[in-house]
Amino acid sequence: MPVIELSTVIRAPRERVFDLARSIDAHQVSTKGTQERAVAGVTTGLIGMNEAVTWEARHFGVRQRLTVRVTAFTLP
């Protein structure tokens, strides 16, 4: 199975990094190459507990949709 790994070094307080990790806008900027975009659910701002987002992107020439729901997290 193919694996896609994205690593980012951020010199910032943990709270800021946590918010960036759940930022719909920051994710879309970081995935411009695949034209990934939020198409349903939370489509901008910060995603929170029990919220969902549906992403659409083109990977390996195939358009795909993925829906993700936040079911648990621990604030820093």
C-alpha atoms as a PDB file:
ATOM      1  CA  MET A   1       0.000   0.000   0.000  1.00  0.00           C
ATOM      2  CA  PRO A   2       1.366   3.467  -0.847  1.00  0.00           C
ATOM      3  CA  VAL A   3       2.205   5.705   2.094  1.00  0.00           C
ATOM      4  CA  ILE A   4       2.060   9.488   1.990  1.00  0.00           C
ATOM      5  CA  GLU A   5       4.011  11.155   4.771  1.00  0.00           C
ATOM      6  CA  LEU A   6       4.139  14.888   5.423  1.00  0.00           C
ATOM      7  CA  SER A   7       6.516  16.393   7.996  1.00  0.00           C
ATOM      8  CA  THR A   8       6.626  20.025   8.994  1.00  0.00           C
ATOM      9  CA  VAL A   9       8.944  21.683  11.513  1.00  0.00           C
ATOM     10  CA  ILE A  10       7.224  24.538  13.326  1.00  0.00           C
ATOM     11  CA  ARG A  11       8.981  26.706  15.869  1.00  0.00           C
ATOM     12  CA  ALA A  12       5.962  27.863  17.849  1.00  0.00           C
ATOM     13  CA  PRO A  13       4.145  27.229  21.132  1.00  0.00           C
ATOM     14  CA  ARG A  14       2.320  23.874  21.408  1.00  0.00           C
ATOM     15  CA  GLU A  15      -1.079  25.577  21.458  1.00  0.00           C
ATOM     16  CA  ARG A  16      -0.391  27.244  18.110  1.00  0.00           C
ATOM     17  CA  VAL A  17       0.869  23.995  16.576  1.00  0.00           C
ATOM     18  CA  PHE A  18      -2.225  22.156  17.857  1.00  0.00           C
ATOM     19  CA  ASP A  19      -4.486  24.738  16.208  1.00  0.00           C
ATOM     20  CA  LEU A  20      -2.504  24.492  12.951  1.00  0.00           C
ATOM     21  CA  ALA A  21      -2.928  20.702  13.000  1.00  0.00           C
ATOM     22  CA  ARG A  22      -6.719  21.089  13.011  1.00  0.00           C
ATOM     23  CA  SER A  23      -6.854  24.089  10.663  1.00  0.00           C
ATOM     24  CA  ILE A  24      -8.745  23.367   7.456  1.00  0.00           C
ATOM     25  CA  ASP A  25      -7.194  26.449   5.819  1.00  0.00           C
ATOM     26  CA  ALA A  26      -3.592  25.511   6.700  1.00  0.00           C
ATOM     27  CA  HIS A  27      -4.123  21.986   5.375  1.00  0.00           C
ATOM     28  CA  GLN A  28      -5.412  23.275   2.048  1.00  0.00           C
ATOM     29  CA  VAL A  29      -2.374  25.554   1.677  1.00  0.00           C
ATOM     30  CA  SER A  30      -0.021  22.641   2.455  1.00  0.00           C
ATOM     31  CA  THR A  31      -1.603  20.389  -0.198  1.00  0.00           C
ATOM     32  CA  LYS A  32      -1.833  22.745  -3.175  1.00  0.00           C
ATOM     33  CA  GLY A  33       0.015  20.225  -5.348  1.00  0.00           C
ATOM     34  CA  THR A  34      -2.885  17.763  -5.175  1.00  0.00           C
ATOM     35  CA  GLN A  35      -5.508  20.524  -5.269  1.00  0.00           C
ATOM     36  CA  GLU A  36      -6.939  19.107  -2.043  1.00  0.00           C
ATOM     37  CA  ARG A  37      -9.968  21.013  -0.852  1.00  0.00           C
ATOM     38  CA  ALA A  38     -12.644  20.733   1.806  1.00  0.00           C
ATOM     39  CA  VAL A  39     -15.994  20.146   0.082  1.00  0.00           C
ATOM     40  CA  ALA A  40     -18.385  19.318   2.951  1.00  0.00           C
ATOM     41  CA  GLY A  41     -18.701  19.624   6.714  1.00  0.00           C
ATOM     42  CA  VAL A  42     -16.241  22.066   8.256  1.00  0.00           C
ATOM     43  CA  THR A  43     -14.670  23.713   5.204  1.00  0.00           C
ATOM     44  CA  THR A  44     -12.784  26.594   6.832  1.00  0.00           C
ATOM     45  CA  GLY A  45     -11.310  27.504  10.208  1.00  0.00           C
ATOM     46  CA  LEU A  46     -10.575  25.011  13.001  1.00  0.00           C
ATOM     47  CA  ILE A  47     -12.228  21.611  13.140  1.00  0.00           C
ATOM     48  CA  GLY A  48     -13.394  20.605  16.596  1.00  0.00           C
ATOM     49  CA  MET A  49     -14.697  17.686  18.608  1.00  0.00           C
ATOM     50  CA  ASN A  50     -17.415  15.605  16.861  1.00  0.00           C
ATOM     51  CA  GLU A  51     -17.083  17.657  13.663  1.00  0.00           C
ATOM     52  CA  ALA A  52     -16.330  16.222  10.231  1.00  0.00           C
ATOM     53  CA  VAL A  53     -14.750  17.388   6.984  1.00  0.00           C
ATOM     54  CA  THR A  54     -14.883  15.790   3.550  1.00  0.00           C
ATOM     55  CA  TRP A  55     -11.750  16.273   1.452  1.00  0.00           C
ATOM     56  CA  GLU A  56     -11.509  15.965  -2.313  1.00  0.00           C
ATOM     57  CA  ALA A  57      -8.151  15.594  -4.065  1.00  0.00           C
ATOM     58  CA  ARG A  58      -6.419  14.013  -7.011  1.00  0.00           C
ATOM     59  CA  HIS A  59      -3.759  11.454  -6.030  1.00  0.00           C
ATOM     60  CA  PHE A  60      -1.962   9.322  -8.609  1.00  0.00           C
ATOM     61  CA  GLY A  61      -4.331  10.647 -11.292  1.00  0.00           C
ATOM     62  CA  VAL A  62      -7.450   9.493  -9.451  1.00  0.00           C
ATOM     63  CA  ARG A  63      -9.970  11.874  -7.882  1.00  0.00           C
ATOM     64  CA  GLN A  64     -10.714  10.745  -4.333  1.00  0.00           C
ATOM     65  CA  ARG A  65     -12.948  11.795  -1.455  1.00  0.00           C
ATOM     66  CA  LEU A  66     -12.227  11.164   2.210  1.00  0.00           C
ATOM     67  CA  THR A  67     -14.438  12.073   5.154  1.00  0.00           C
ATOM     68  CA  VAL A  68     -12.771  12.512   8.542  1.00  0.00           C
ATOM     69  CA  ARG A  69     -14.475  12.981  11.925  1.00  0.00           C
ATOM     70  CA  VAL A  70     -12.697  14.185  15.076  1.00  0.00           C
ATOM     71  CA  THR A  71     -13.677  11.705  17.794  1.00  0.00           C
ATOM     72  CA  ALA A  72     -11.063  12.518  20.446  1.00  0.00           C
ATOM     73  CA  PHE A  73      -8.244  14.903  21.181  1.00  0.00           C
ATOM     74  CA  THR A  74      -6.320  16.269  24.134  1.00  0.00           C
ATOM     75  CA  LEU A  75      -5.658  19.991  24.311  1.00  0.00           C
ATOM     76  CA  PRO A  76      -2.009  20.856  25.000  1.00  0.00           C
END
